[in-house]
PDB file of N, CA and C in Angstrom:
ATOM      1  N   MET A   1    -101.138-195.156   6.480  1.00  0.00           N
ATOM      2  CA  MET A   1    -101.096-195.395   7.946  1.00  0.00           C
ATOM      3  C   MET A   1     -99.489-195.194   8.327  1.00  0.00           C
ATOM      4  N   THR A   2    -100.396-194.959   9.892  1.00  0.00           N
ATOM      5  CA  THR A   2     -98.550-194.346  10.350  1.00  0.00           C
ATOM      6  C   THR A   2     -98.740-195.475  11.601  1.00  0.00           C
ATOM      7  N   ALA A   3     -97.522-195.425  12.375  1.00  0.00           N
ATOM      8  CA  ALA A   3     -97.181-196.297  13.938  1.00  0.00           C
ATOM      9  C   ALA A   3     -98.465-196.248  14.396  1.00  0.00           C
ATOM     10  N   THR A   4     -98.471-197.121  15.670  1.00  0.00           N
ATOM     11  CA  THR A   4     -99.436-197.395  16.143  1.00  0.00           C
ATOM     12  C   THR A   4     -98.947-196.212  17.677  1.00  0.00           C
ATOM     13  N   GLU A   5    -100.287-195.998  18.263  1.00  0.00           N
ATOM     14  CA  GLU A   5     -99.325-195.096  19.410  1.00  0.00           C
ATOM     15  C   GLU A   5     -98.897-196.082  20.257  1.00  0.00           C
ATOM     16  N   HIS A   6     -99.099-197.235  20.761  1.00  0.00           N
ATOM     17  CA  HIS A   6     -98.554-198.295  21.340  1.00  0.00           C
ATOM     18  C   HIS A   6     -96.944-198.119  20.642  1.00  0.00           C
ATOM     19  N   ALA A   7     -96.934-198.567  19.498  1.00  0.00           N
ATOM     20  CA  ALA A   7     -95.549-198.642  18.574  1.00  0.00           C
ATOM     21  C   ALA A   7     -94.881-197.528  19.164  1.00  0.00           C
ATOM     22  N   VAL A   8     -95.353-196.437  19.213  1.00  0.00           N
ATOM     23  CA  VAL A   8     -94.659-195.103  19.280  1.00  0.00           C
ATOM     24  C   VAL A   8     -93.973-194.911  21.020  1.00  0.00           C
ATOM     25  N   GLU A   9     -95.086-195.520  21.577  1.00  0.00           N
ATOM     26  CA  GLU A   9     -94.604-195.595  23.085  1.00  0.00           C
ATOM     27  C   GLU A   9     -93.116-196.583  23.282  1.00  0.00           C
ATOM     28  N   LEU A  10     -93.451-197.689  23.138  1.00  0.00           N
ATOM     29  CA  LEU A  10     -92.500-198.635  22.660  1.00  0.00           C
ATOM     30  C   LEU A  10     -90.853-198.116  21.961  1.00  0.00           C
ATOM     31  N   VAL A  11     -91.216-197.522  21.074  1.00  0.00           N
ATOM     32  CA  VAL A  11     -89.854-196.668  20.670  1.00  0.00           C
ATOM     33  C   VAL A  11     -89.392-195.877  21.636  1.00  0.00           C
ATOM     34  N   GLU A  12     -90.073-195.025  22.151  1.00  0.00           N
ATOM     35  CA  GLU A  12     -89.515-193.857  23.197  1.00  0.00           C
ATOM     36  C   GLU A  12     -88.670-194.627  24.176  1.00  0.00           C
ATOM     37  N   VAL A  13     -89.657-196.146  25.352  1.00  0.00           N
ATOM     38  CA  VAL A  13     -88.914-196.562  26.190  1.00  0.00           C
ATOM     39  C   VAL A  13     -87.870-197.204  25.555  1.00  0.00           C
ATOM     40  N   ALA A  14     -87.831-197.944  24.131  1.00  0.00           N
ATOM     41  CA  ALA A  14     -86.083-198.406  23.932  1.00  0.00           C
ATOM     42  C   ALA A  14     -85.083-197.635  23.775  1.00  0.00           C
ATOM     43  N   ALA A  15     -85.950-196.374  22.860  1.00  0.00           N
ATOM     44  CA  ALA A  15     -84.419-195.033  22.553  1.00  0.00           C
ATOM     45  C   ALA A  15     -84.011-194.239  24.131  1.00  0.00           C
ATOM     46  N   GLN A  16     -85.292-194.333  24.928  1.00  0.00           N
ATOM     47  CA  GLN A  16     -84.765-193.288  26.347  1.00  0.00           C
ATOM     48  C   GLN A  16     -83.780-194.757  27.131  1.00  0.00           C
ATOM     49  N   ALA A  17     -83.685-195.684  26.889  1.00  0.00           N
ATOM     50  CA  ALA A  17     -82.911-197.130  27.630  1.00  0.00           C
ATOM     51  C   ALA A  17     -81.521-196.685  26.710  1.00  0.00           C
ATOM     52  N   ALA A  18     -81.598-197.135  25.001  1.00  0.00           N
ATOM     53  CA  ALA A  18     -80.379-196.908  24.931  1.00  0.00           C
ATOM     54  C   ALA A  18     -79.680-195.956  25.115  1.00  0.00           C
ATOM     55  N   HIS A  19     -80.531-194.624  25.160  1.00  0.00           N
ATOM     56  CA  HIS A  19     -79.563-193.064  25.253  1.00  0.00           C
ATOM     57  C   HIS A  19     -79.102-193.270  26.776  1.00  0.00           C
ATOM     58  N   ASP A  20     -79.625-194.062  28.111  1.00  0.00           N
ATOM     59  CA  ASP A  20     -79.246-193.766  29.090  1.00  0.00           C
ATOM     60  C   ASP A  20     -78.067-194.743  29.591  1.00  0.00           C
ATOM     61  N   LYS A  21     -77.763-195.373  28.401  1.00  0.00           N
ATOM     62  CA  LYS A  21     -76.695-196.452  28.204  1.00  0.00           C
ATOM     63  C   LYS A  21     -75.583-196.217  27.173  1.00  0.00           C
ATOM     64  N   LYS A  22     -75.802-194.735  26.984  1.00  0.00           N
ATOM     65  CA  LYS A  22     -74.948-193.742  26.274  1.00  0.00           C
ATOM     66  C   LYS A  22     -74.588-194.564  24.648  1.00  0.00           C
ATOM     67  N   ALA A  23     -75.677-194.756  24.462  1.00  0.00           N
ATOM     68  CA  ALA A  23     -75.952-195.473  22.664  1.00  0.00           C
ATOM     69  C   ALA A  23     -75.211-194.131  21.829  1.00  0.00           C
ATOM     70  N   ASP A  24     -74.695-194.011  20.712  1.00  0.00           N
ATOM     71  CA  ASP A  24     -74.852-193.201  19.817  1.00  0.00           C
ATOM     72  C   ASP A  24     -75.402-193.294  18.906  1.00  0.00           C
ATOM     73  N   GLN A  25     -76.213-192.102  18.231  1.00  0.00           N
ATOM     74  CA  GLN A  25     -76.892-191.851  16.942  1.00  0.00           C
ATOM     75  C   GLN A  25     -78.373-192.509  16.821  1.00  0.00           C
ATOM     76  N   VAL A  26     -79.054-192.285  18.277  1.00  0.00           N
ATOM     77  CA  VAL A  26     -80.390-193.093  18.325  1.00  0.00           C
ATOM     78  C   VAL A  26     -81.378-192.388  17.845  1.00  0.00           C
ATOM     79  N   LEU A  27     -81.814-193.243  16.780  1.00  0.00           N
ATOM     80  CA  LEU A  27     -83.007-192.694  15.589  1.00  0.00           C
ATOM     81  C   LEU A  27     -84.203-193.540  15.642  1.00  0.00           C
ATOM     82  N   ALA A  28     -85.269-193.268  15.391  1.00  0.00           N
ATOM     83  CA  ALA A  28     -86.223-194.027  14.845  1.00  0.00           C
ATOM     84  C   ALA A  28     -87.292-193.860  13.580  1.00  0.00           C
ATOM     85  N   PHE A  29     -87.555-194.489  13.042  1.00  0.00           N
ATOM     86  CA  PHE A  29     -88.087-195.075  11.911  1.00  0.00           C
ATOM     87  C   PHE A  29     -89.550-195.370  11.708  1.00  0.00           C
ATOM     88  N   ASP A  30     -90.615-194.783  11.501  1.00  0.00           N
ATOM     89  CA  ASP A  30     -91.948-195.101  11.066  1.00  0.00           C
ATOM     90  C   ASP A  30     -91.561-195.615   9.727  1.00  0.00           C
ATOM     91  N   VAL A  31     -91.815-197.378   9.660  1.00  0.00           N
ATOM     92  CA  VAL A  31     -91.531-198.074   8.631  1.00  0.00           C
ATOM     93  C   VAL A  31     -92.857-198.586   8.373  1.00  0.00           C
ATOM     94  N   SER A  32     -93.770-198.349   9.046  1.00  0.00           N
ATOM     95  CA  SER A  32     -95.676-198.905   8.871  1.00  0.00           C
ATOM     96  C   SER A  32     -95.892-198.808   7.250  1.00  0.00           C
ATOM     97  N   GLU A  33     -95.815-197.843   6.614  1.00  0.00           N
ATOM     98  CA  GLU A  33     -96.225-197.970   5.154  1.00  0.00           C
ATOM     99  C   GLU A  33     -95.277-198.986   3.992  1.00  0.00           C
ATOM    100  N   GLN A  34     -93.794-198.999   4.575  1.00  0.00           N
ATOM    101  CA  GLN A  34     -92.891-199.881   3.826  1.00  0.00           C
ATOM    102  C   GLN A  34     -93.023-201.480   4.300  1.00  0.00           C
ATOM    103  N   ILE A  35     -93.522-201.693   5.527  1.00  0.00           N
ATOM    104  CA  ILE A  35     -93.141-203.061   5.731  1.00  0.00           C
ATOM    105  C   ILE A  35     -94.467-203.306   6.626  1.00  0.00           C
ATOM    106  N   ALA A  36     -95.059-204.130   6.450  1.00  0.00           N
ATOM    107  CA  ALA A  36     -96.208-205.000   6.554  1.00  0.00           C
ATOM    108  C   ALA A  36     -96.262-205.634   8.471  1.00  0.00           C
ATOM    109  N   ILE A  37     -95.184-206.040   8.720  1.00  0.00           N
ATOM    110  CA  ILE A  37     -95.085-206.717  10.095  1.00  0.00           C
ATOM    111  C   ILE A  37     -94.584-206.100  10.638  1.00  0.00           C
ATOM    112  N   THR A  38     -93.862-204.743  10.558  1.00  0.00           N
ATOM    113  CA  THR A  38     -93.557-203.951  11.901  1.00  0.00           C
ATOM    114  C   THR A  38     -93.882-202.546  11.619  1.00  0.00           C
ATOM    115  N   ASP A  39     -94.333-201.624  12.756  1.00  0.00           N
ATOM    116  CA  ASP A  39     -94.409-200.195  12.639  1.00  0.00           C
ATOM    117  C   ASP A  39     -93.229-199.257  12.693  1.00  0.00           C
ATOM    118  N   ALA A  40     -92.560-199.923  13.575  1.00  0.00           N
ATOM    119  CA  ALA A  40     -91.162-198.823  13.589  1.00  0.00           C
ATOM    120  C   ALA A  40     -89.948-199.876  13.502  1.00  0.00           C
ATOM    121  N   PHE A  41     -88.948-198.389  13.573  1.00  0.00           N
ATOM    122  CA  PHE A  41     -87.445-199.351  13.515  1.00  0.00           C
ATOM    123  C   PHE A  41     -86.658-198.301  14.670  1.00  0.00           C
ATOM    124  N   VAL A  42     -86.024-198.914  15.663  1.00  0.00           N
ATOM    125  CA  VAL A  42     -84.958-198.187  16.387  1.00  0.00           C
ATOM    126  C   VAL A  42     -83.782-198.096  16.284  1.00  0.00           C
ATOM    127  N   LEU A  43     -83.095-197.761  15.771  1.00  0.00           N
ATOM    128  CA  LEU A  43     -81.502-197.787  15.664  1.00  0.00           C
ATOM    129  C   LEU A  43     -80.657-197.097  16.562  1.00  0.00           C
ATOM    130  N   ALA A  44     -79.438-197.548  17.059  1.00  0.00           N
ATOM    131  CA  ALA A  44     -78.688-197.415  18.083  1.00  0.00           C
ATOM    132  C   ALA A  44     -77.370-197.797  17.753  1.00  0.00           C
ATOM    133  N   SER A  45     -76.398-197.327  18.100  1.00  0.00           N
ATOM    134  CA  SER A  45     -74.852-198.002  17.937  1.00  0.00           C
ATOM    135  C   SER A  45     -73.676-197.596  19.326  1.00  0.00           C
ATOM    136  N   ALA A  46     -72.887-198.125  19.157  1.00  0.00           N
ATOM    137  CA  ALA A  46     -72.240-198.363  20.660  1.00  0.00           C
ATOM    138  C   ALA A  46     -70.495-198.409  19.743  1.00  0.00           C
ATOM    139  N   THR A  47     -69.628-198.156  20.472  1.00  0.00           N
ATOM    140  CA  THR A  47     -68.277-198.258  20.093  1.00  0.00           C
ATOM    141  C   THR A  47     -67.425-199.876  19.815  1.00  0.00           C
ATOM    142  N   ASN A  48     -68.073-200.279  20.999  1.00  0.00           N
ATOM    143  CA  ASN A  48     -67.623-201.777  21.308  1.00  0.00           C
ATOM    144  C   ASN A  48     -68.624-202.898  21.670  1.00  0.00           C
ATOM    145  N   GLU A  49     -68.222-204.125  21.225  1.00  0.00           N
ATOM    146  CA  GLU A  49     -69.202-205.315  21.816  1.00  0.00           C
ATOM    147  C   GLU A  49     -69.830-205.096  22.913  1.00  0.00           C
ATOM    148  N   ARG A  50     -68.770-205.037  24.079  1.00  0.00           N
ATOM    149  CA  ARG A  50     -69.488-204.886  24.973  1.00  0.00           C
ATOM    150  C   ARG A  50     -70.351-203.783  25.459  1.00  0.00           C
ATOM    151  N   ALA A  51     -70.566-202.812  25.012  1.00  0.00           N
ATOM    152  CA  ALA A  51     -71.365-201.693  24.750  1.00  0.00           C
ATOM    153  C   ALA A  51     -72.504-202.276  24.535  1.00  0.00           C
ATOM    154  N   VAL A  52     -72.504-202.564  22.846  1.00  0.00           N
ATOM    155  CA  VAL A  52     -74.055-202.894  22.557  1.00  0.00           C
ATOM    156  C   VAL A  52     -74.427-204.175  23.428  1.00  0.00           C
ATOM    157  N   GLY A  53     -73.894-204.630  24.164  1.00  0.00           N
ATOM    158  CA  GLY A  53     -74.389-205.909  24.699  1.00  0.00           C
ATOM    159  C   GLY A  53     -75.248-205.012  26.636  1.00  0.00           C
ATOM    160  N   ALA A  54     -74.431-203.779  26.650  1.00  0.00           N
ATOM    161  CA  ALA A  54     -75.153-203.479  27.631  1.00  0.00           C
ATOM    162  C   ALA A  54     -76.328-202.518  27.050  1.00  0.00           C
ATOM    163  N   ILE A  55     -76.274-201.974  25.950  1.00  0.00           N
ATOM    164  CA  ILE A  55     -77.213-201.267  25.540  1.00  0.00           C
ATOM    165  C   ILE A  55     -78.602-202.189  25.483  1.00  0.00           C
ATOM    166  N   VAL A  56     -78.371-203.433  24.863  1.00  0.00           N
ATOM    167  CA  VAL A  56     -79.435-204.086  24.453  1.00  0.00           C
ATOM    168  C   VAL A  56     -79.748-204.896  25.754  1.00  0.00           C
ATOM    169  N   ASP A  57     -79.155-205.180  26.643  1.00  0.00           N
ATOM    170  CA  ASP A  57     -79.664-205.456  28.141  1.00  0.00           C
ATOM    171  C   ASP A  57     -80.620-204.310  28.706  1.00  0.00           C
ATOM    172  N   GLU A  58     -80.229-203.295  28.563  1.00  0.00           N
ATOM    173  CA  GLU A  58     -81.065-202.323  29.106  1.00  0.00           C
ATOM    174  C   GLU A  58     -82.451-202.176  28.736  1.00  0.00           C
ATOM    175  N   ILE A  59     -82.300-202.117  27.175  1.00  0.00           N
ATOM    176  CA  ILE A  59     -83.423-202.029  26.096  1.00  0.00           C
ATOM    177  C   ILE A  59     -84.643-203.418  26.564  1.00  0.00           C
ATOM    178  N   GLU A  60     -83.906-204.184  26.662  1.00  0.00           N
ATOM    179  CA  GLU A  60     -85.156-205.513  27.184  1.00  0.00           C
ATOM    180  C   GLU A  60     -85.219-205.474  28.541  1.00  0.00           C
ATOM    181  N   GLU A  61     -84.415-204.781  29.510  1.00  0.00           N
ATOM    182  CA  GLU A  61     -85.259-204.828  30.812  1.00  0.00           C
ATOM    183  C   GLU A  61     -86.269-203.546  30.497  1.00  0.00           C
ATOM    184  N   LYS A  62     -86.079-202.456  30.350  1.00  0.00           N
ATOM    185  CA  LYS A  62     -87.089-201.373  30.429  1.00  0.00           C
ATOM    186  C   LYS A  62     -88.503-201.762  29.259  1.00  0.00           C
ATOM    187  N   LEU A  63     -87.812-202.472  28.413  1.00  0.00           N
ATOM    188  CA  LEU A  63     -89.386-202.887  27.674  1.00  0.00           C
ATOM    189  C   LEU A  63     -90.299-203.886  28.201  1.00  0.00           C
ATOM    190  N   ARG A  64     -89.263-204.636  28.914  1.00  0.00           N
ATOM    191  CA  ARG A  64     -89.893-205.858  29.664  1.00  0.00           C
ATOM    192  C   ARG A  64     -91.030-204.845  30.925  1.00  0.00           C
ATOM    193  N   GLU A  65     -90.372-203.919  31.390  1.00  0.00           N
ATOM    194  CA  GLU A  65     -91.421-203.363  33.023  1.00  0.00           C
ATOM    195  C   GLU A  65     -92.314-202.648  31.646  1.00  0.00           C
ATOM    196  N   ALA A  66     -92.140-202.482  30.600  1.00  0.00           N
ATOM    197  CA  ALA A  66     -93.522-202.143  29.865  1.00  0.00           C
ATOM    198  C   ALA A  66     -94.358-202.727  29.326  1.00  0.00           C
ATOM    199  N   GLY A  67     -94.047-203.915  29.690  1.00  0.00           N
ATOM    200  CA  GLY A  67     -95.027-205.143  29.171  1.00  0.00           C
ATOM    201  C   GLY A  67     -94.753-205.801  28.120  1.00  0.00           C
ATOM    202  N   ALA A  68     -93.846-205.541  27.477  1.00  0.00           N
ATOM    203  CA  ALA A  68     -93.289-205.959  26.002  1.00  0.00           C
ATOM    204  C   ALA A  68     -92.390-207.116  26.130  1.00  0.00           C
ATOM    205  N   LYS A  69     -92.668-208.189  24.976  1.00  0.00           N
ATOM    206  CA  LYS A  69     -91.906-209.087  25.028  1.00  0.00           C
ATOM    207  C   LYS A  69     -91.673-209.639  23.498  1.00  0.00           C
ATOM    208  N   PRO A  70     -90.123-209.748  23.951  1.00  0.00           N
ATOM    209  CA  PRO A  70     -89.844-210.097  22.434  1.00  0.00           C
ATOM    210  C   PRO A  70     -90.077-211.182  21.431  1.00  0.00           C
ATOM    211  N   ILE A  71     -90.212-211.154  20.609  1.00  0.00           N
ATOM    212  CA  ILE A  71     -90.399-212.346  19.832  1.00  0.00           C
ATOM    213  C   ILE A  71     -89.066-213.047  19.384  1.00  0.00           C
ATOM    214  N   ARG A  72     -88.111-212.008  19.364  1.00  0.00           N
ATOM    215  CA  ARG A  72     -87.160-212.965  18.431  1.00  0.00           C
ATOM    216  C   ARG A  72     -85.754-212.049  18.804  1.00  0.00           C
ATOM    217  N   ARG A  73     -84.584-212.585  18.845  1.00  0.00           N
ATOM    218  CA  ARG A  73     -83.586-211.695  19.542  1.00  0.00           C
ATOM    219  C   ARG A  73     -82.579-212.726  18.605  1.00  0.00           C
ATOM    220  N   GLU A  74     -81.652-211.729  17.850  1.00  0.00           N
ATOM    221  CA  GLU A  74     -80.706-212.284  17.179  1.00  0.00           C
ATOM    222  C   GLU A  74     -79.617-211.668  17.079  1.00  0.00           C
ATOM    223  N   GLY A  75     -78.118-212.061  17.390  1.00  0.00           N
ATOM    224  CA  GLY A  75     -76.898-211.487  17.014  1.00  0.00           C
ATOM    225  C   GLY A  75     -76.080-210.997  18.817  1.00  0.00           C
ATOM    226  N   HIS A  76     -77.001-211.485  19.669  1.00  0.00           N
ATOM    227  CA  HIS A  76     -76.626-211.038  21.216  1.00  0.00           C
ATOM    228  C   HIS A  76     -74.838-211.908  21.436  1.00  0.00           C
ATOM    229  N   LYS A  77     -74.836-212.527  20.907  1.00  0.00           N
ATOM    230  CA  LYS A  77     -73.482-213.791  21.312  1.00  0.00           C
ATOM    231  C   LYS A  77     -72.137-213.064  20.859  1.00  0.00           C
ATOM    232  N   GLU A  78     -72.384-212.278  19.599  1.00  0.00           N
ATOM    233  CA  GLU A  78     -71.568-211.439  18.751  1.00  0.00           C
ATOM    234  C   GLU A  78     -71.321-210.317  19.346  1.00  0.00           C
ATOM    235  N   GLY A  79     -72.597-209.647  19.400  1.00  0.00           N
ATOM    236  CA  GLY A  79     -72.140-208.315  20.148  1.00  0.00           C
ATOM    237  C   GLY A  79     -72.104-207.184  18.955  1.00  0.00           C
ATOM    238  N   ARG A  80     -72.189-207.469  17.515  1.00  0.00           N
ATOM    239  CA  ARG A  80     -71.518-206.679  16.471  1.00  0.00           C
ATOM    240  C   ARG A  80     -73.393-206.199  16.329  1.00  0.00           C
ATOM    241  N   TRP A  81     -73.980-206.841  16.107  1.00  0.00           N
ATOM    242  CA  TRP A  81     -75.255-206.363  15.473  1.00  0.00           C
ATOM    243  C   TRP A  81     -76.652-207.462  15.910  1.00  0.00           C
ATOM    244  N   VAL A  82     -77.319-206.192  17.401  1.00  0.00           N
ATOM    245  CA  VAL A  82     -78.032-207.278  17.782  1.00  0.00           C
ATOM    246  C   VAL A  82     -79.308-206.702  17.068  1.00  0.00           C
ATOM    247  N   LEU A  83     -80.222-207.620  17.240  1.00  0.00           N
ATOM    248  CA  LEU A  83     -81.797-207.549  16.546  1.00  0.00           C
ATOM    249  C   LEU A  83     -82.597-207.845  17.295  1.00  0.00           C
ATOM    250  N   LEU A  84     -83.629-206.913  17.853  1.00  0.00           N
ATOM    251  CA  LEU A  84     -84.305-206.993  19.082  1.00  0.00           C
ATOM    252  C   LEU A  84     -85.716-207.009  18.551  1.00  0.00           C
ATOM    253  N   ASP A  85     -86.708-208.326  18.003  1.00  0.00           N
ATOM    254  CA  ASP A  85     -88.340-207.994  17.335  1.00  0.00           C
ATOM    255  C   ASP A  85     -88.973-208.258  18.618  1.00  0.00           C
ATOM    256  N   TYR A  86     -90.132-207.150  18.670  1.00  0.00           N
ATOM    257  CA  TYR A  86     -91.177-206.783  19.634  1.00  0.00           C
ATOM    258  C   TYR A  86     -92.731-207.232  18.544  1.00  0.00           C
ATOM    259  N   GLY A  87     -92.656-207.628  17.539  1.00  0.00           N
ATOM    260  CA  GLY A  87     -93.516-207.228  16.628  1.00  0.00           C
ATOM    261  C   GLY A  87     -93.917-205.720  16.238  1.00  0.00           C
ATOM    262  N   GLU A  88     -94.547-205.096  16.798  1.00  0.00           N
ATOM    263  CA  GLU A  88     -94.604-203.348  17.183  1.00  0.00           C
ATOM    264  C   GLU A  88     -93.483-202.859  16.494  1.00  0.00           C
ATOM    265  N   ILE A  89     -92.333-203.163  17.334  1.00  0.00           N
ATOM    266  CA  ILE A  89     -91.243-202.309  16.454  1.00  0.00           C
ATOM    267  C   ILE A  89     -89.965-203.169  16.693  1.00  0.00           C
ATOM    268  N   VAL A  90     -89.033-203.120  15.981  1.00  0.00           N
ATOM    269  CA  VAL A  90     -87.516-203.703  15.853  1.00  0.00           C
ATOM    270  C   VAL A  90     -86.641-202.924  15.958  1.00  0.00           C
ATOM    271  N   VAL A  91     -85.610-203.401  17.021  1.00  0.00           N
ATOM    272  CA  VAL A  91     -84.595-202.821  17.556  1.00  0.00           C
ATOM    273  C   VAL A  91     -83.185-203.118  16.878  1.00  0.00           C
ATOM    274  N   HIS A  92     -82.576-202.165  16.478  1.00  0.00           N
ATOM    275  CA  HIS A  92     -81.135-202.600  15.928  1.00  0.00           C
ATOM    276  C   HIS A  92     -79.962-201.907  16.753  1.00  0.00           C
ATOM    277  N   VAL A  93     -79.710-202.600  17.328  1.00  0.00           N
ATOM    278  CA  VAL A  93     -78.116-202.147  18.290  1.00  0.00           C
ATOM    279  C   VAL A  93     -76.790-202.663  17.427  1.00  0.00           C
ATOM    280  N   GLN A  94     -76.202-201.985  16.948  1.00  0.00           N
ATOM    281  CA  GLN A  94     -75.042-202.163  16.027  1.00  0.00           C
ATOM    282  C   GLN A  94     -73.911-201.658  16.415  1.00  0.00           C
ATOM    283  N   HIS A  95     -72.590-201.879  16.138  1.00  0.00           N
ATOM    284  CA  HIS A  95     -71.288-201.786  16.462  1.00  0.00           C
ATOM    285  C   HIS A  95     -71.244-200.305  15.566  1.00  0.00           C
ATOM    286  N   GLU A  96     -70.406-199.459  15.951  1.00  0.00           N
ATOM    287  CA  GLU A  96     -70.434-198.735  14.783  1.00  0.00           C
ATOM    288  C   GLU A  96     -69.756-198.760  13.818  1.00  0.00           C
ATOM    289  N   GLU A  97     -69.228-199.668  13.407  1.00  0.00           N
ATOM    290  CA  GLU A  97     -68.320-200.071  12.135  1.00  0.00           C
ATOM    291  C   GLU A  97     -69.672-200.949  11.227  1.00  0.00           C
ATOM    292  N   GLU A  98     -70.444-201.662  11.787  1.00  0.00           N
ATOM    293  CA  GLU A  98     -71.476-201.969  11.323  1.00  0.00           C
ATOM    294  C   GLU A  98     -72.653-201.011  10.922  1.00  0.00           C
ATOM    295  N   ARG A  99     -72.689-200.191  11.927  1.00  0.00           N
ATOM    296  CA  ARG A  99     -73.367-198.796  11.344  1.00  0.00           C
ATOM    297  C   ARG A  99     -73.323-198.074  10.261  1.00  0.00           C
ATOM    298  N   LEU A 100     -71.814-198.214  10.048  1.00  0.00           N
ATOM    299  CA  LEU A 100     -71.188-196.976   9.045  1.00  0.00           C
ATOM    300  C   LEU A 100     -71.306-198.267   7.608  1.00  0.00           C
ATOM    301  N   PHE A 101     -70.724-199.385   7.779  1.00  0.00           N
ATOM    302  CA  PHE A 101     -71.269-200.159   6.823  1.00  0.00           C
ATOM    303  C   PHE A 101     -72.697-200.424   5.929  1.00  0.00           C
ATOM    304  N   TYR A 102     -73.510-200.747   6.978  1.00  0.00           N
ATOM    305  CA  TYR A 102     -74.726-201.128   6.133  1.00  0.00           C
ATOM    306  C   TYR A 102     -75.605-199.966   6.418  1.00  0.00           C
ATOM    307  N   ALA A 103     -75.152-198.944   6.904  1.00  0.00           N
ATOM    308  CA  ALA A 103     -76.463-197.648   6.702  1.00  0.00           C
ATOM    309  C   ALA A 103     -77.667-197.765   6.554  1.00  0.00           C
ATOM    310  N   LEU A 104     -78.132-198.206   7.657  1.00  0.00           N
ATOM    311  CA  LEU A 104     -79.612-198.353   7.695  1.00  0.00           C
ATOM    312  C   LEU A 104     -80.654-197.077   7.218  1.00  0.00           C
ATOM    313  N   GLU A 105     -80.192-196.180   8.459  1.00  0.00           N
ATOM    314  CA  GLU A 105     -80.918-195.025   8.161  1.00  0.00           C
ATOM    315  C   GLU A 105     -80.840-194.519   6.770  1.00  0.00           C
ATOM    316  N   ARG A 106     -79.710-194.946   5.847  1.00  0.00           N
ATOM    317  CA  ARG A 106     -79.582-194.151   4.671  1.00  0.00           C
ATOM    318  C   ARG A 106     -80.793-195.081   3.638  1.00  0.00           C
ATOM    319  N   LEU A 107     -80.630-196.544   3.899  1.00  0.00           N
ATOM    320  CA  LEU A 107     -82.179-197.627   3.640  1.00  0.00           C
ATOM    321  C   LEU A 107     -83.308-197.118   3.738  1.00  0.00           C
ATOM    322  N   TRP A 108     -83.790-196.593   5.242  1.00  0.00           N
ATOM    323  CA  TRP A 108     -84.880-196.013   5.359  1.00  0.00           C
ATOM    324  C   TRP A 108     -85.141-194.598   5.359  1.00  0.00           C
ATOM    325  N   SER A 109     -84.339-193.760   4.894  1.00  0.00           N
ATOM    326  CA  SER A 109     -84.238-192.337   4.986  1.00  0.00           C
ATOM    327  C   SER A 109     -85.666-192.001   3.907  1.00  0.00           C
ATOM    328  N   ASP A 110     -86.416-192.477   3.464  1.00  0.00           N
ATOM    329  CA  ASP A 110     -87.815-192.315   3.109  1.00  0.00           C
ATOM    330  C   ASP A 110     -88.763-192.340   3.830  1.00  0.00           C
ATOM    331  N   CYS A 111     -88.716-193.259   4.709  1.00  0.00           N
ATOM    332  CA  CYS A 111     -89.195-193.427   5.829  1.00  0.00           C
ATOM    333  C   CYS A 111     -89.267-192.089   7.050  1.00  0.00           C
ATOM    334  N   PRO A 112     -90.600-192.009   7.464  1.00  0.00           N
ATOM    335  CA  PRO A 112     -90.549-190.880   8.523  1.00  0.00           C
ATOM    336  C   PRO A 112     -89.827-190.667   9.564  1.00  0.00           C
ATOM    337  N   VAL A 113     -89.245-190.052  10.326  1.00  0.00           N
ATOM    338  CA  VAL A 113     -88.655-190.137  11.558  1.00  0.00           C
ATOM    339  C   VAL A 113     -89.366-190.006  12.660  1.00  0.00           C
ATOM    340  N   ILE A 114     -89.432-190.891  13.619  1.00  0.00           N
ATOM    341  CA  ILE A 114     -90.156-190.827  14.775  1.00  0.00           C
ATOM    342  C   ILE A 114     -89.422-189.492  15.826  1.00  0.00           C
ATOM    343  N   PRO A 115     -89.926-188.223  15.778  1.00  0.00           N
ATOM    344  CA  PRO A 115     -88.995-187.484  16.951  1.00  0.00           C
ATOM    345  C   PRO A 115     -88.940-188.167  18.389  1.00  0.00           C
ATOM    346  N   LEU A 116     -87.533-188.103  18.824  1.00  0.00           N
ATOM    347  CA  LEU A 116     -87.533-188.500  19.952  1.00  0.00           C
ATOM    348  C   LEU A 116     -86.808-187.685  21.268  1.00  0.00           C
ATOM    349  N   THR A 117     -87.700-187.417  22.257  1.00  0.00           N
ATOM    350  CA  THR A 117     -87.260-186.622  23.429  1.00  0.00           C
ATOM    351  C   THR A 117     -86.066-187.583  24.161  1.00  0.00           C
ATOM    352  N   LEU A 118     -84.824-186.659  24.008  1.00  0.00           N
ATOM    353  CA  LEU A 118     -84.095-187.994  24.775  1.00  0.00           C
ATOM    354  C   LEU A 118     -83.731-187.276  26.265  1.00  0.00           C
ATOM    355  N   THR A 119     -83.855-187.575  27.291  1.00  0.00           N
ATOM    356  CA  THR A 119     -83.076-187.066  28.787  1.00  0.00           C
ATOM    357  C   THR A 119     -82.071-187.443  29.580  1.00  0.00           C
TER     358      THR A 119
END
C-alpha cells in the first residue's frame, strides 16, 4: 500500500506553501506502510519561532484553499515544533534546533521519500 493520490496532492500543497515562506529542508515521506492512521509526513524547519509561525500559517491557508481541514493542531503557541494533522497527512514544522535533536528524517529513513517539485 502507498500514499493515496489525494494525500500526495496535499503533500505537494503543504510543501510548496512551506517553501514559499522560506522553510528549510522541506521533505516528505510516505509512511502509509508504517503507520495506519496517516499516509504521509511533511517535514520543514525554520531558524526562529516567528518563521515557524509564518510557515504554519501559510500551510494552513493553502491547505484550506485546497479543501483540507485540520483534525488537530499542536505546538503553535510555542513555535518550536508545530504539528498539523490533516488525517491523510501530518505536517511537522520545527525550529531547526528541534529538527536536529529529534531527527525525524532519520527515524523515518526506511520509508519512501515523496518527490517534491518546489518552484
